[in-house]
Protein backbone atom coordinates (compact mmCIF):
# COMPACT_ATOMS: atom_id res chain seq x y z
CA UNK A 1 -20.14 38.96 -26.58
CA UNK A 2 -20.96 42.05 -26.81
CA UNK A 3 -21.23 43.27 -23.66
CA UNK A 4 -25.32 43.89 -23.23
CA UNK A 5 -25.13 40.50 -23.99
CA UNK A 6 -23.06 39.28 -20.73
CA UNK A 7 -25.53 41.87 -18.98
CA UNK A 8 -28.70 39.83 -19.88
CA UNK A 9 -27.15 36.71 -19.73
CA UNK A 10 -25.71 37.14 -15.94
CA UNK A 11 -29.30 38.80 -15.18
CA UNK A 12 -30.86 35.58 -16.49
CA UNK A 13 -28.83 33.40 -14.83
CA UNK A 14 -29.10 35.23 -11.43
CA UNK A 15 -33.08 35.42 -11.51
CA UNK A 16 -33.70 31.61 -12.85
CA UNK A 17 -30.71 30.62 -9.66
CA UNK A 18 -32.64 33.28 -7.11
CA UNK A 19 -36.16 31.98 -8.50
CA UNK A 20 -36.38 28.73 -9.89
CA UNK A 21 -38.54 30.04 -12.51
CA UNK A 22 -37.98 31.34 -16.29
CA UNK A 23 -37.27 35.08 -17.11
CA UNK A 24 -38.99 37.27 -19.95
CA UNK A 25 -37.91 40.43 -21.06
CA UNK A 26 -40.31 42.02 -18.86
CA UNK A 27 -39.20 40.96 -16.21
CA UNK A 28 -35.73 41.61 -16.30
CA UNK A 29 -36.57 45.14 -17.90
CA UNK A 30 -38.27 45.87 -14.08
CA UNK A 31 -35.41 44.98 -12.38
CA UNK A 32 -33.41 47.55 -13.26
CA UNK A 33 -31.51 46.70 -16.41
CA UNK A 34 -31.59 49.84 -18.56
CA UNK A 35 -33.45 48.42 -22.07
CA UNK A 36 -36.73 48.20 -23.39
CA UNK A 37 -38.14 45.08 -22.84
CA UNK A 38 -38.14 44.90 -26.46
CA UNK A 39 -34.40 45.12 -26.84
CA UNK A 40 -33.65 42.31 -24.19
CA UNK A 41 -36.46 40.16 -26.19
CA UNK A 42 -33.83 40.34 -29.14
CA UNK A 43 -30.40 40.15 -26.85
CA UNK A 44 -32.37 36.99 -25.99
CA UNK A 45 -32.82 36.19 -29.43
CA UNK A 46 -29.19 35.86 -30.23
CA UNK A 47 -27.85 34.23 -27.05
CA UNK A 48 -31.15 31.17 -27.82
CA UNK A 49 -29.07 30.76 -30.94
CA UNK A 50 -25.85 31.03 -29.99
CA UNK A 51 -27.12 28.47 -27.58
CA UNK A 52 -26.32 29.50 -23.59
CA UNK A 53 -29.99 30.97 -23.05
CA UNK A 54 -31.22 26.59 -24.18
CA UNK A 55 -28.40 25.55 -21.94
CA UNK A 56 -29.44 26.90 -18.99
CA UNK A 57 -33.15 25.32 -19.71
CA UNK A 58 -31.25 22.44 -19.66
CA UNK A 59 -29.55 23.10 -16.45
CA UNK A 60 -32.71 23.94 -15.03
CA UNK A 61 -34.53 21.31 -16.08
CA UNK A 62 -32.03 18.65 -14.57
CA UNK A 63 -32.22 20.45 -11.79
CA UNK A 64 -36.20 20.32 -11.30
CA UNK A 65 -36.30 16.82 -11.65
CA UNK A 66 -33.26 15.89 -9.16
CA UNK A 67 -35.29 18.01 -6.84
CA UNK A 68 -38.82 16.33 -7.40
CA UNK A 69 -36.90 12.87 -7.37
CA UNK A 70 -35.74 13.89 -3.87
CA UNK A 71 -39.34 14.83 -2.42
CA UNK A 72 -40.51 12.02 -4.09
CA UNK A 73 -38.00 9.19 -2.30
CA UNK A 74 -38.39 11.62 0.70
CA UNK A 75 -41.86 11.31 1.03
CA UNK A 76 -42.24 7.98 0.44
CA UNK A 77 -39.65 6.76 3.00
CA UNK A 78 -41.68 8.86 5.45
CA UNK A 79 -44.49 7.49 4.74
CA UNK A 80 -42.89 3.75 4.82
CA UNK A 81 -41.81 4.77 8.41
């Protein structure tokens, strides 16, 4: 994996963990990486083809489901008490 790909992947993971939201190329380019949004998109496409961004997306989808399930269970307990 190229240094550029590692850096973009690291930033995507960090931003996803920090915000819990999808990460776009413009957001990354404004965040301090010295690449244009187009270069970031191309790198993100390469990471997607390699299956790395899909894996991150699946992880966060599961985490969101776990959080919403926990929140619903907690709300039901509070309501019932």
